């Protein structure tokens, strides 16, 4: 993809975000006016408690290193965070020096020439090597490091499987369906709101993640000689199954395709209204809160798969990089070394419950005593599958979301929807990567 094509993509993206980007523009203007250029500028967003934690952590770094750090608070909204960085980096601003990137952004940032290579400057050995290989290395160069990682997992009611003498957790989607039907029928006698399985089906990025997981190792996106392929037999089967969970088998709520995102799914399961839940690891600690109706009644397992297919967990998480335009690269590298160090990553896990990017922490006795479920997470992250790391992935995702959701809504067949989505993807590839 040429620099001209990357710029064209950015322009087209900007037109779509003119109104929604006002917070990002304000953030950029404030950043340019207030940054003390004797300090390393670190851009980070999230909930207020998350940003407060980063400020505390960076205070430790300042005391240890003598390097000053200024925190630029980005919006909490992920899309606005991305666009705020795009604006600054596309303008070749020297700040921010260091920033966090959602894994789905890395392809765009690399293709645009915005990241300072980390090859030979950072030790990537302690991190999940599959994550490094598939997300952080580009053309042999290390471009970023994972600060914390994510992957889709299956939560299940251990107490209900035991009560109904069901083996578990399910290894295949057919086993999940069978168990969901059995338990749902029995539980409906006292709880009419009970469903066998809740998952993310609303029209947003989480739907793409779920779709990849239903397809297993034979589904999702595949690279072939003629480009990125989505319209495959495995994907048609997976999408039809997703639809049937809602309308034919009725083990997933009708609101799955209209409302169900991460928090809606978590709250439904946490209220004791479901047997199985697909979500991210963050939900574990919330499910174990004193007010949770499923506290000490749940288990965690890899997601099921189809017969003959290995299970897939969609890889998520946030990665750290240095701006190519930074005027403080040496200090920025010191900051990344601190953030990705064993002790700091351990603190991030113990304080915030985030899953560290370092694989060696998943065998740490203190970590396992605090969070024994990390034994299962290690296997999940070792086999997680990223979404296509392409500069124009957000446009691909918008197409896929729309057509998959139309099938879940009952408006279109899986065959027609995937065929239409493939035509849209082909058009994008021809636009950005002409033969």
Protein backbone atom coordinates (compact mmCIF):
# COMPACT_ATOMS: atom_id res chain seq x y z
CA UNK A 1 0.00 0.00 0.00
CA UNK A 2 1.59 3.27 -1.11
CA UNK A 3 1.95 6.40 1.01
CA UNK A 4 -0.52 8.12 -1.33
CA UNK A 5 -3.07 5.38 -0.73
CA UNK A 6 -2.57 5.59 3.03
CA UNK A 7 -3.13 9.35 2.92
CA UNK A 8 -6.22 8.84 0.74
CA UNK A 9 -7.54 6.40 3.32
CA UNK A 10 -6.95 8.90 6.12
CA UNK A 11 -8.74 11.63 4.20
CA UNK A 12 -11.74 9.40 3.58
CA UNK A 13 -11.79 8.41 7.23
CA UNK A 14 -11.61 12.04 8.35
CA UNK A 15 -14.64 13.00 6.29
CA UNK A 16 -16.71 10.39 8.09
CA UNK A 17 -15.58 11.55 11.53
CA UNK A 18 -15.77 15.35 11.24
CA UNK A 19 -18.48 15.78 13.84
CA UNK A 20 -17.54 12.92 16.16
CA UNK A 21 -13.92 14.04 16.31
CA UNK A 22 -14.44 17.35 18.08
CA UNK A 23 -13.16 15.93 21.41
CA UNK A 24 -10.09 14.60 19.61
CA UNK A 25 -9.42 17.97 17.95
CA UNK A 26 -9.75 19.72 21.30
CA UNK A 27 -7.38 17.16 22.85
CA UNK A 28 -4.82 17.77 20.09
CA UNK A 29 -4.97 21.54 20.46
CA UNK A 30 -4.53 21.30 24.21
CA UNK A 31 -1.67 18.88 23.76
CA UNK A 32 0.17 21.18 21.38
CA UNK A 33 -0.25 24.16 23.66
CA UNK A 34 0.51 22.63 27.03
CA UNK A 35 3.16 20.00 26.50
CA UNK A 36 6.44 20.75 28.24
CA UNK A 37 9.00 19.69 25.63
CA UNK A 38 11.57 18.93 28.33
CA UNK A 39 9.30 16.02 29.23
CA UNK A 40 8.32 12.81 27.47
CA UNK A 41 4.69 13.10 26.44
CA UNK A 42 2.62 9.92 26.96
CA UNK A 43 -0.89 9.79 25.45
CA UNK A 44 -3.36 7.50 27.18
CA UNK A 45 -7.13 7.31 27.58
CA UNK A 46 -9.71 5.20 29.33
CA UNK A 47 -11.88 5.52 32.41
CA UNK A 48 -10.82 8.10 35.02
CA UNK A 49 -9.55 5.37 37.36
CA UNK A 50 -7.39 3.95 34.58
CA UNK A 51 -5.80 7.28 33.71
CA UNK A 52 -5.23 7.96 37.42
CA UNK A 53 -3.41 4.65 37.69
CA UNK A 54 -1.18 5.55 34.75
CA UNK A 55 -0.33 8.89 36.34
CA UNK A 56 0.64 7.12 39.57
CA UNK A 57 2.75 4.61 37.65
CA UNK A 58 4.51 7.30 35.68
CA UNK A 59 5.30 9.12 38.91
CA UNK A 60 7.26 6.01 39.95
CA UNK A 61 9.14 6.14 36.64
CA UNK A 62 10.04 9.79 37.14
CA UNK A 63 11.46 9.11 40.61
CA UNK A 64 13.48 6.13 39.37
CA UNK A 65 14.79 7.60 36.12
CA UNK A 66 14.84 11.35 36.63
CA UNK A 67 12.97 11.67 33.32
CA UNK A 68 9.88 13.86 33.41
CA UNK A 69 6.68 12.55 31.86
CA UNK A 70 3.61 14.53 30.91
CA UNK A 71 0.37 12.58 30.55
CA UNK A 72 -1.98 13.65 27.80
CA UNK A 73 -5.48 12.47 28.65
CA UNK A 74 -7.23 11.17 25.57
CA UNK A 75 -10.99 10.61 25.33
CA UNK A 76 -12.34 7.40 26.83
CA UNK A 77 -13.95 6.45 23.51
CA UNK A 78 -11.62 4.10 21.59
CA UNK A 79 -12.44 5.48 18.14
CA UNK A 80 -11.80 9.04 19.30
CA UNK A 81 -8.49 7.94 20.82
CA UNK A 82 -7.44 6.47 17.49
CA UNK A 83 -8.46 9.52 15.52
CA UNK A 84 -6.73 11.85 17.96
CA UNK A 85 -3.47 10.01 17.39
CA UNK A 86 -4.05 9.89 13.63
CA UNK A 87 -4.43 13.68 13.53
CA UNK A 88 -1.22 14.32 15.50
CA UNK A 89 0.90 11.72 13.70
CA UNK A 90 -0.34 12.58 10.21
CA UNK A 91 0.65 16.20 10.95
CA UNK A 92 4.12 14.93 12.03
CA UNK A 93 3.79 16.55 15.43
CA UNK A 94 6.66 15.74 17.82
CA UNK A 95 4.16 14.96 20.57
CA UNK A 96 2.99 12.60 21.86
CA UNK A 97 6.27 10.71 22.09
CA UNK A 98 4.75 7.48 23.39
CA UNK A 99 1.22 6.13 23.08
CA UNK A 100 -0.93 3.03 23.42
CA UNK A 101 -2.50 1.46 20.33
CA UNK A 102 -5.36 -0.98 20.03
CA UNK A 103 -4.04 -4.03 18.19
CA UNK A 104 -6.32 -3.25 15.23
CA UNK A 105 -4.55 0.10 14.64
CA UNK A 106 -0.99 -1.21 14.31
CA UNK A 107 -1.27 -2.01 10.60
CA UNK A 108 -2.36 1.54 9.80
CA UNK A 109 0.32 3.14 11.96
CA UNK A 110 3.08 0.99 10.44
CA UNK A 111 1.94 1.54 6.83
CA UNK A 112 1.79 5.27 7.45
CA UNK A 113 5.41 5.36 8.64
CA UNK A 114 4.49 6.76 12.05
CA UNK A 115 6.26 4.28 14.34
CA UNK A 116 9.90 4.24 15.36
CA UNK A 117 11.28 0.70 14.92
CA UNK A 118 12.12 -1.04 18.21
CA UNK A 119 14.27 -3.78 16.68
CA UNK A 120 17.54 -4.10 18.59
CA UNK A 121 16.31 -1.63 21.21
CA UNK A 122 13.85 -3.83 23.12
CA UNK A 123 13.91 -7.44 24.28
CA UNK A 124 10.79 -9.17 22.95
CA UNK A 125 11.70 -12.62 24.32
CA UNK A 126 9.58 -12.51 27.53
CA UNK A 127 6.37 -11.72 25.63
CA UNK A 128 3.86 -14.02 23.97
CA UNK A 129 5.77 -14.85 20.79
CA UNK A 130 2.65 -15.52 18.73
CA UNK A 131 1.40 -12.03 19.62
CA UNK A 132 4.77 -10.49 18.76
CA UNK A 133 4.94 -12.34 15.45
CA UNK A 134 1.38 -11.68 14.31
CA UNK A 135 0.87 -8.15 15.63
CA UNK A 136 4.11 -6.36 16.49
CA UNK A 137 6.59 -7.47 13.83
CA UNK A 138 6.29 -6.08 10.33
CA UNK A 139 8.75 -7.04 7.57
CA UNK A 140 11.14 -8.37 10.18
CA UNK A 141 11.10 -5.22 12.29
CA UNK A 142 9.78 -5.01 15.85
CA UNK A 143 7.45 -1.99 15.82
CA UNK A 144 5.55 -2.25 19.12
CA UNK A 145 5.20 -4.31 22.30
CA UNK A 146 2.04 -5.63 23.99
CA UNK A 147 1.33 -3.92 27.30
CA UNK A 148 -1.70 -6.06 27.99
CA UNK A 149 -3.50 -8.65 25.92
CA UNK A 150 -7.02 -9.95 25.57
CA UNK A 151 -8.82 -12.91 24.07
CA UNK A 152 -12.38 -14.19 23.91
CA UNK A 153 -13.18 -16.89 26.48
CA UNK A 154 -16.13 -18.96 27.68
CA UNK A 155 -17.59 -18.42 31.15
CA UNK A 156 -19.88 -21.14 32.46
CA UNK A 157 -22.01 -21.85 35.51
CA UNK A 158 -20.08 -24.65 37.16
CA UNK A 159 -22.84 -25.20 39.71
CA UNK A 160 -25.52 -25.73 37.05
CA UNK A 161 -23.47 -28.18 35.03
CA UNK A 162 -22.91 -30.16 38.22
CA UNK A 163 -26.58 -29.98 39.23
CA UNK A 164 -27.75 -31.38 35.93
CA UNK A 165 -24.86 -33.87 35.75
CA UNK A 166 -23.51 -32.49 32.51
CA UNK A 167 -19.88 -32.88 31.49
CA UNK A 168 -18.22 -29.58 30.99
CA UNK A 169 -17.16 -27.22 29.89
CA UNK A 170 -18.21 -28.02 26.29
CA UNK A 171 -15.46 -28.68 23.77
CA UNK A 172 -17.62 -28.19 20.67
CA UNK A 173 -20.42 -25.83 19.69
CA UNK A 174 -22.81 -28.79 19.39
CA UNK A 175 -22.03 -29.77 22.98
CA UNK A 176 -22.64 -26.19 24.11
CA UNK A 177 -26.00 -26.15 22.34
CA UNK A 178 -27.07 -29.47 23.85
CA UNK A 179 -26.17 -28.39 27.37
CA UNK A 180 -27.76 -24.97 26.88
CA UNK A 181 -31.06 -26.52 25.79
CA UNK A 182 -31.12 -28.94 28.74
CA UNK A 183 -30.38 -26.37 31.43
CA UNK A 184 -32.50 -23.61 29.90
CA UNK A 185 -35.59 -25.83 29.82
CA UNK A 186 -35.21 -26.72 33.50
CA UNK A 187 -34.33 -23.21 34.68
CA UNK A 188 -37.24 -21.60 32.82
CA UNK A 189 -39.61 -23.23 35.33
CA UNK A 190 -38.51 -20.67 37.92
CA UNK A 191 -36.76 -18.02 35.83
CA UNK A 192 -38.46 -17.16 32.49
CA UNK A 193 -35.58 -14.80 31.59
CA UNK A 194 -32.99 -17.57 31.67
CA UNK A 195 -31.05 -18.30 28.46
CA UNK A 196 -28.47 -20.93 27.63
CA UNK A 197 -25.86 -18.69 26.00
CA UNK A 198 -25.24 -14.94 25.83
CA UNK A 199 -22.71 -13.35 23.48
CA UNK A 200 -21.94 -10.13 21.60
CA UNK A 201 -24.15 -9.81 18.49
CA UNK A 202 -24.82 -6.07 18.18
CA UNK A 203 -23.47 -4.23 15.14
CA UNK A 204 -20.03 -3.16 16.36
CA UNK A 205 -16.44 -4.48 16.41
CA UNK A 206 -17.21 -7.11 19.04
CA UNK A 207 -19.49 -8.88 16.54
CA UNK A 208 -16.53 -9.42 14.19
CA UNK A 209 -14.55 -10.92 17.09
CA UNK A 210 -17.38 -13.33 17.91
CA UNK A 211 -17.81 -14.29 14.26
CA UNK A 212 -14.15 -15.26 13.98
CA UNK A 213 -14.47 -17.45 17.06
CA UNK A 214 -17.61 -19.25 15.87
CA UNK A 215 -15.74 -20.07 12.66
CA UNK A 216 -12.86 -21.60 14.60
CA UNK A 217 -9.50 -22.27 13.03
CA UNK A 218 -11.18 -22.97 9.67
CA UNK A 219 -13.19 -19.76 9.64
CA UNK A 220 -12.70 -16.03 9.96
CA UNK A 221 -10.48 -14.11 7.56
CA UNK A 222 -8.00 -15.98 5.40
CA UNK A 223 -5.28 -14.71 3.09
CA UNK A 224 -5.33 -16.36 -0.34
CA UNK A 225 -3.68 -15.60 -3.66
CA UNK A 226 -6.60 -13.42 -4.72
CA UNK A 227 -6.65 -11.52 -1.42
CA UNK A 228 -8.59 -11.58 1.85
CA UNK A 229 -11.34 -14.22 1.83
CA UNK A 230 -14.46 -14.17 4.00
CA UNK A 231 -17.03 -16.00 1.87
CA UNK A 232 -16.06 -19.59 2.72
CA UNK A 233 -17.97 -22.75 3.59
CA UNK A 234 -16.74 -22.66 7.21
CA UNK A 235 -17.93 -19.07 7.64
CA UNK A 236 -21.33 -19.78 6.07
CA UNK A 237 -21.83 -22.66 8.51
CA UNK A 238 -20.69 -20.57 11.47
CA UNK A 239 -22.93 -17.61 10.61
CA UNK A 240 -25.98 -19.82 10.11
CA UNK A 241 -25.32 -21.38 13.52
CA UNK A 242 -25.08 -17.94 15.13
CA UNK A 243 -28.46 -17.02 13.63
CA UNK A 244 -30.01 -20.35 14.70
CA UNK A 245 -28.93 -19.84 18.31
CA UNK A 246 -31.30 -16.86 18.39
CA UNK A 247 -34.23 -17.87 16.17
CA UNK A 248 -34.27 -21.66 15.78
CA UNK A 249 -32.89 -23.03 19.04
CA UNK A 250 -33.78 -19.88 21.03
CA UNK A 251 -30.97 -20.34 23.54
CA UNK A 252 -29.75 -16.75 22.99
CA UNK A 253 -31.95 -13.68 23.63
CA UNK A 254 -33.74 -11.93 20.72
CA UNK A 255 -31.89 -8.77 21.83
CA UNK A 256 -28.57 -10.39 20.90
CA UNK A 257 -28.38 -8.63 17.54
CA UNK A 258 -29.70 -5.27 18.79
CA UNK A 259 -28.23 -4.70 22.25
CA UNK A 260 -25.68 -7.29 23.28
CA UNK A 261 -22.20 -5.83 23.71
CA UNK A 262 -19.63 -6.69 26.39
CA UNK A 263 -21.33 -5.02 29.35
CA UNK A 264 -24.87 -6.04 28.42
CA UNK A 265 -23.69 -9.66 28.16
CA UNK A 266 -21.73 -9.47 31.41
CA UNK A 267 -24.61 -8.02 33.39
CA UNK A 268 -27.05 -10.59 32.04
CA UNK A 269 -24.82 -13.50 33.04
CA UNK A 270 -23.85 -11.90 36.33
CA UNK A 271 -27.51 -11.58 37.30
CA UNK A 272 -27.79 -15.36 37.14
CA UNK A 273 -29.74 -15.44 33.90
CA UNK A 274 -27.48 -17.56 31.66
CA UNK A 275 -25.53 -20.81 31.61
CA UNK A 276 -22.76 -19.75 29.21
CA UNK A 277 -21.22 -16.37 28.40
CA UNK A 278 -18.69 -15.33 25.78
CA UNK A 279 -16.68 -12.38 27.01
CA UNK A 280 -13.18 -11.05 27.66
CA UNK A 281 -11.10 -11.82 30.77
CA UNK A 282 -11.99 -8.49 32.42
CA UNK A 283 -15.38 -9.93 33.39
CA UNK A 284 -13.89 -12.52 35.78
CA UNK A 285 -13.17 -10.14 38.67
CA UNK A 286 -16.56 -8.44 38.24
CA UNK A 287 -18.35 -11.79 38.32
CA UNK A 288 -16.58 -12.49 41.62
CA UNK A 289 -17.70 -9.27 43.29
CA UNK A 290 -19.72 -9.67 46.50
CA UNK A 291 -22.89 -8.36 44.81
CA UNK A 292 -22.63 -10.81 41.91
CA UNK A 293 -25.20 -13.62 41.86
CA UNK A 294 -22.68 -15.96 40.24
CA UNK A 295 -19.80 -15.42 42.66
CA UNK A 296 -17.86 -18.64 43.27
CA UNK A 297 -20.21 -20.51 40.92
CA UNK A 298 -18.39 -20.01 37.63
CA UNK A 299 -15.60 -21.48 35.59
CA UNK A 300 -13.53 -20.26 32.66
CA UNK A 301 -12.51 -22.24 29.58
CA UNK A 302 -11.39 -21.83 25.98
CA UNK A 303 -14.23 -21.27 23.55
CA UNK A 304 -15.69 -24.35 21.83
CA UNK A 305 -14.86 -25.31 18.26
CA UNK A 306 -16.41 -27.24 15.41
CA UNK A 307 -15.43 -30.90 14.90
CA UNK A 308 -12.07 -31.04 13.18
CA UNK A 309 -11.32 -27.40 13.94
CA UNK A 310 -9.17 -25.99 16.72
CA UNK A 311 -10.76 -23.37 18.99
CA UNK A 312 -10.01 -19.75 18.24
CA UNK A 313 -9.92 -16.76 20.55
CA UNK A 314 -9.87 -13.35 18.89
CA UNK A 315 -6.76 -11.50 20.00
CA UNK A 316 -7.29 -8.10 21.54
CA UNK A 317 -5.28 -5.78 23.74
CA UNK A 318 -3.21 -2.61 23.75
CA UNK A 319 0.33 -2.15 22.45
CA UNK A 320 2.86 0.57 23.07
CA UNK A 321 4.96 2.41 20.49
CA UNK A 322 7.20 5.42 19.97
CA UNK A 323 6.41 8.17 17.48
CA UNK A 324 8.82 8.40 14.58
CA UNK A 325 8.58 12.19 14.98
CA UNK A 326 9.50 12.24 18.69
CA UNK A 327 12.31 14.57 19.72
CA UNK A 328 12.98 12.47 22.85
CA UNK A 329 13.37 8.95 21.49
CA UNK A 330 15.97 7.78 24.01
CA UNK A 331 13.84 8.86 26.96
CA UNK A 332 10.75 7.40 25.26
CA UNK A 333 12.50 4.04 24.93
CA UNK A 334 13.39 4.15 28.63
CA UNK A 335 9.72 4.73 29.41
CA UNK A 336 8.67 1.71 27.33
CA UNK A 337 11.29 -0.44 29.05
CA UNK A 338 9.79 0.59 32.39
CA UNK A 339 6.18 -0.03 31.36
CA UNK A 340 6.97 -3.47 29.90
CA UNK A 341 9.32 -4.55 32.71
CA UNK A 342 8.47 -7.57 34.87
CA UNK A 343 7.79 -5.53 38.01
CA UNK A 344 5.61 -2.93 36.28
CA UNK A 345 3.64 -5.52 34.34
CA UNK A 346 3.06 -7.42 37.58
CA UNK A 347 1.81 -4.24 39.25
CA UNK A 348 -0.51 -3.60 36.30
CA UNK A 349 -1.99 -7.06 36.75
CA UNK A 350 -2.31 -6.96 40.55
CA UNK A 351 -3.71 -3.44 40.70
CA UNK A 352 -5.88 -3.25 37.58
CA UNK A 353 -6.51 -6.89 36.66
CA UNK A 354 -5.18 -6.32 33.12
CA UNK A 355 -3.59 -9.32 31.44
CA UNK A 356 0.12 -8.62 30.98
CA UNK A 357 1.76 -8.96 27.60
CA UNK A 358 4.69 -10.80 29.21
CA UNK A 359 4.21 -14.57 29.10
CA UNK A 360 6.62 -15.15 32.00
CA UNK A 361 4.20 -13.52 34.46
CA UNK A 362 1.60 -16.27 33.95
CA UNK A 363 3.78 -18.61 36.03
CA UNK A 364 4.41 -16.11 38.82
CA UNK A 365 3.30 -17.58 42.21
CA UNK A 366 1.92 -14.23 43.44
CA UNK A 367 -0.10 -13.77 40.26
CA UNK A 368 -1.50 -17.32 40.36
CA UNK A 369 -2.44 -17.06 44.03
CA UNK A 370 -4.35 -13.87 43.29
CA UNK A 371 -5.77 -15.03 39.94
CA UNK A 372 -5.60 -18.82 39.47
CA UNK A 373 -7.58 -18.50 36.22
CA UNK A 374 -4.39 -17.16 34.61
CA UNK A 375 -3.36 -20.77 34.04
CA UNK A 376 -6.22 -21.09 31.54
CA UNK A 377 -5.59 -17.65 30.07
CA UNK A 378 -2.01 -18.51 29.17
CA UNK A 379 -3.22 -21.23 26.81
CA UNK A 380 -5.86 -18.92 25.34
CA UNK A 381 -3.37 -16.15 24.56
CA UNK A 382 -0.81 -18.56 23.09
CA UNK A 383 -3.36 -19.54 20.42
CA UNK A 384 -5.26 -16.28 19.93
CA UNK A 385 -5.94 -15.08 16.38
CA UNK A 386 -5.68 -11.40 15.41
CA UNK A 387 -7.99 -9.62 13.00
CA UNK A 388 -6.42 -8.57 9.69
CA UNK A 389 -3.69 -6.06 10.46
CA UNK A 390 -4.35 -3.87 7.43
CA UNK A 391 -4.29 -0.07 7.20
CA UNK A 392 -7.90 -0.08 6.01
CA UNK A 393 -9.18 -2.70 8.46
CA UNK A 394 -11.75 -0.33 10.01
CA UNK A 395 -13.51 -0.12 6.64
CA UNK A 396 -13.43 -3.91 6.27
CA UNK A 397 -14.89 -4.25 9.74
CA UNK A 398 -17.74 -1.83 8.98
CA UNK A 399 -18.74 -3.96 5.98
CA UNK A 400 -18.52 -7.25 7.87
CA UNK A 401 -20.47 -5.94 10.87
CA UNK A 402 -23.33 -4.75 8.70
CA UNK A 403 -23.81 -7.96 6.77
CA UNK A 404 -23.33 -10.35 9.69
CA UNK A 405 -25.80 -8.39 11.78
CA UNK A 406 -28.35 -8.51 8.97
CA UNK A 407 -28.22 -12.32 9.14
CA UNK A 408 -28.68 -12.32 12.92
CA UNK A 409 -31.67 -10.02 12.44
CA UNK A 410 -33.20 -12.54 10.03
CA UNK A 411 -33.13 -10.13 7.09
CA UNK A 412 -30.68 -12.05 4.91
CA UNK A 413 -29.28 -15.55 4.43
CA UNK A 414 -25.73 -16.37 5.47
CA UNK A 415 -24.83 -17.16 1.86
CA UNK A 416 -26.09 -13.86 0.43
CA UNK A 417 -24.65 -11.78 3.26
CA UNK A 418 -21.14 -13.23 3.02
CA UNK A 419 -21.21 -12.97 -0.76
CA UNK A 420 -22.12 -9.29 -0.53
CA UNK A 421 -19.50 -8.70 2.19
CA UNK A 422 -16.87 -10.35 0.01
CA UNK A 423 -17.70 -8.03 -2.90
CA UNK A 424 -17.25 -5.06 -0.56
CA UNK A 425 -13.91 -6.36 0.71
CA UNK A 426 -12.73 -7.05 -2.84
CA UNK A 427 -13.57 -3.48 -3.83
CA UNK A 428 -11.57 -2.11 -0.89
CA UNK A 429 -8.58 -4.30 -1.70
CA UNK A 430 -8.67 -3.17 -5.31
CA UNK A 431 -8.80 0.43 -4.17
CA UNK A 432 -5.94 0.25 -1.69
CA UNK A 433 -3.91 -2.64 -3.13
CA UNK A 434 -4.47 -2.67 -6.89
CA UNK A 435 -2.88 -5.56 -8.72
